[in-house]
Protein backbone atom coordinates (compact mmCIF):
# COMPACT_ATOMS: atom_id res chain seq x y z
CA MET A 1 -11.55 23.27 2.61
CA GLU A 2 -14.50 21.56 4.21
CA LEU A 3 -13.82 19.17 7.07
CA LEU A 4 -15.79 16.12 5.94
CA PRO A 5 -14.01 15.76 2.57
CA ALA A 6 -10.68 16.15 4.38
CA LEU A 7 -11.63 13.30 6.70
CA ALA A 8 -12.70 11.12 3.77
CA ILE A 9 -9.49 11.82 1.84
CA SER A 10 -7.29 11.05 4.85
CA SER A 11 -9.22 7.90 5.72
CA SER A 12 -8.85 6.63 2.14
CA GLY A 13 -5.10 7.19 2.45
CA LEU A 14 -5.03 5.30 5.74
CA THR A 15 -6.87 2.36 4.18
CA ALA A 16 -4.62 2.26 1.12
CA GLU A 17 -1.39 2.46 3.12
CA ARG A 18 -2.61 -0.23 5.51
CA LEU A 19 -3.18 -2.56 2.57
CA ARG A 20 0.26 -1.69 1.22
CA MET A 21 1.85 -2.57 4.58
CA ASP A 22 -0.08 -5.86 4.63
CA LEU A 23 1.26 -6.73 1.17
CA ILE A 24 4.81 -5.93 2.25
CA ALA A 25 4.40 -8.15 5.32
CA GLY A 26 3.15 -10.95 3.07
CA ASN A 27 6.11 -10.49 0.74
CA LEU A 28 8.57 -10.69 3.62
CA ALA A 29 6.79 -13.75 5.07
CA ASN A 30 7.16 -15.57 1.74
CA ILE A 31 10.77 -14.64 1.03
CA ASN A 32 11.83 -18.31 1.00
CA THR A 33 8.71 -19.83 -0.60
CA THR A 34 9.97 -21.77 -3.59
CA ARG A 35 6.76 -23.62 -4.44
CA THR A 36 3.24 -22.20 -4.70
CA ALA A 37 -0.09 -23.70 -5.74
CA SER A 38 0.26 -22.10 -9.18
CA GLY A 39 3.76 -23.54 -9.56
CA GLY A 40 7.11 -21.84 -9.24
CA PRO A 41 8.32 -19.48 -6.55
CA TYR A 42 6.23 -16.85 -4.79
CA ARG A 43 5.90 -13.60 -6.78
CA ARG A 44 6.21 -10.25 -5.02
CA LYS A 45 2.88 -8.43 -4.77
CA VAL A 46 2.54 -4.66 -5.18
CA ALA A 47 -0.45 -2.34 -4.74
CA VAL A 48 -1.26 0.05 -7.56
CA PHE A 49 -2.87 3.26 -6.29
CA ALA A 50 -5.21 5.48 -8.28
CA GLU A 51 -6.86 8.79 -7.51
CA ARG A 52 -10.51 8.70 -6.53
CA LEU A 53 -12.24 11.42 -8.49
CA GLN A 54 -15.42 13.20 -7.56
CA ALA A 55 -18.34 11.91 -9.60
CA ALA A 56 -19.52 15.29 -10.86
CA MET A 57 -18.20 18.81 -10.65
CA GLY A 58 -21.33 20.88 -10.23
CA ALA A 59 -21.99 24.34 -8.88
CA GLY A 60 -21.12 24.80 -5.25
CA ARG A 61 -18.66 21.91 -5.25
CA ALA A 62 -15.03 22.15 -4.27
CA PRO A 63 -12.69 23.35 -7.04
CA TRP A 64 -10.43 20.30 -6.79
CA PRO A 65 -11.29 17.03 -8.55
CA GLY A 66 -9.58 14.68 -6.09
CA ALA A 67 -11.42 12.78 -3.41
CA GLY A 68 -8.71 10.55 -2.03
CA VAL A 69 -6.91 7.44 -3.16
CA ARG A 70 -7.98 3.89 -3.88
CA VAL A 71 -6.20 0.65 -4.63
CA ALA A 72 -6.77 0.08 -8.33
CA ALA A 73 -5.13 -3.35 -8.41
CA ILE A 74 -2.80 -5.72 -6.66
CA VAL A 75 -0.28 -6.97 -9.20
CA GLU A 76 2.59 -9.43 -9.15
CA ASP A 77 6.03 -8.00 -9.82
CA SER A 78 7.35 -9.17 -13.19
CA THR A 79 10.98 -9.27 -12.06
CA PRO A 80 12.44 -12.73 -12.72
CA PRO A 81 13.11 -14.98 -9.72
CA ARG A 82 16.55 -15.18 -8.16
CA LEU A 83 18.52 -18.30 -9.03
CA VAL A 84 20.63 -19.81 -6.24
CA TYR A 85 22.85 -22.85 -6.67
CA ASP A 86 21.75 -25.48 -4.13
CA PRO A 87 21.63 -28.97 -5.64
CA SER A 88 20.47 -30.50 -2.33
CA HIS A 89 17.25 -28.41 -2.27
CA PRO A 90 14.10 -30.41 -3.16
CA ASP A 91 13.01 -27.74 -5.70
CA ALA A 92 16.36 -27.57 -7.50
CA ASP A 93 16.29 -27.97 -11.27
CA ALA A 94 18.47 -30.37 -13.29
CA ARG A 95 21.41 -27.94 -13.11
CA GLY A 96 21.10 -27.60 -9.30
CA TYR A 97 19.60 -24.10 -9.27
CA VAL A 98 16.64 -23.13 -7.06
CA SER A 99 14.29 -20.33 -8.13
CA LEU A 100 13.71 -18.06 -5.14
CA PRO A 101 11.12 -15.28 -4.93
CA ASN A 102 11.91 -11.91 -6.53
CA ILE A 103 11.93 -10.17 -3.14
CA ASN A 104 14.69 -7.87 -1.94
CA VAL A 105 14.57 -7.30 1.82
CA VAL A 106 16.13 -3.83 1.58
CA ASN A 107 13.56 -2.65 -0.97
CA GLU A 108 10.71 -4.10 1.08
CA MET A 109 11.93 -2.32 4.22
CA ILE A 110 12.21 0.97 2.33
CA ASP A 111 8.66 0.49 1.03
CA LEU A 112 7.51 -0.35 4.56
CA ILE A 113 9.07 2.81 6.01
CA THR A 114 7.54 4.89 3.21
CA ALA A 115 4.10 3.36 3.80
CA ALA A 116 4.39 3.91 7.55
CA ARG A 117 5.33 7.58 7.05
CA ALA A 118 2.42 8.10 4.64
CA TYR A 119 0.09 6.42 7.14
CA GLU A 120 1.43 8.68 9.88
CA ALA A 121 0.93 11.78 7.72
CA ASN A 122 -2.68 10.81 6.98
CA ALA A 123 -3.32 10.18 10.68
CA THR A 124 -1.90 13.62 11.48
CA VAL A 125 -4.21 15.27 8.94
CA LEU A 126 -7.15 13.34 10.38
CA ASN A 127 -6.32 14.52 13.90
CA ALA A 128 -5.84 18.11 12.73
CA ALA A 129 -9.25 18.10 10.99
CA LYS A 130 -10.82 16.67 14.13
CA GLY A 131 -9.16 19.40 16.21
CA MET A 132 -10.46 22.10 13.87
CA ALA A 133 -13.97 20.69 14.08
CA LEU A 134 -13.82 20.71 17.87
CA LYS A 135 -12.57 24.31 17.90
CA ALA A 136 -15.38 25.32 15.54
CA LEU A 137 -17.89 23.76 17.91
CA GLU A 138 -16.33 25.66 20.83
CA ILE A 139 -16.61 28.93 18.91
CA GLY A 140 -20.25 28.16 18.16
CA ARG A 141 -21.02 27.66 21.87
CA ALA A 142 -19.52 30.97 22.93
């Protein structure tokens, strides 16, 4: 495997996982937001990843079609909001229920740990490729 494509693939993974962690942080920050500009409670946001494919597979190119990952879309989770009985809340409906965001702290923390581990793995690959490039330069000097 060539070193430059490995660096590009790992850096795309770092970028995607960073965005995923930012979305998780935003979800956790809005866990009690009951009213948004569009109306209703905050909706959990999720990143949808897609494979970046090489544009053309010509002669002399690598035999694998992948070239990293990209964020295809940021979508709102379609899970219905949680209903909590609190008639004193200013956003309570006629029955006294408040619609809270569809965010589960445990699931968000699991997603955050997963994203952090994937980020760490991509950083490790990046450092390994850098180390191999430095060793190759050392061999060339000898």
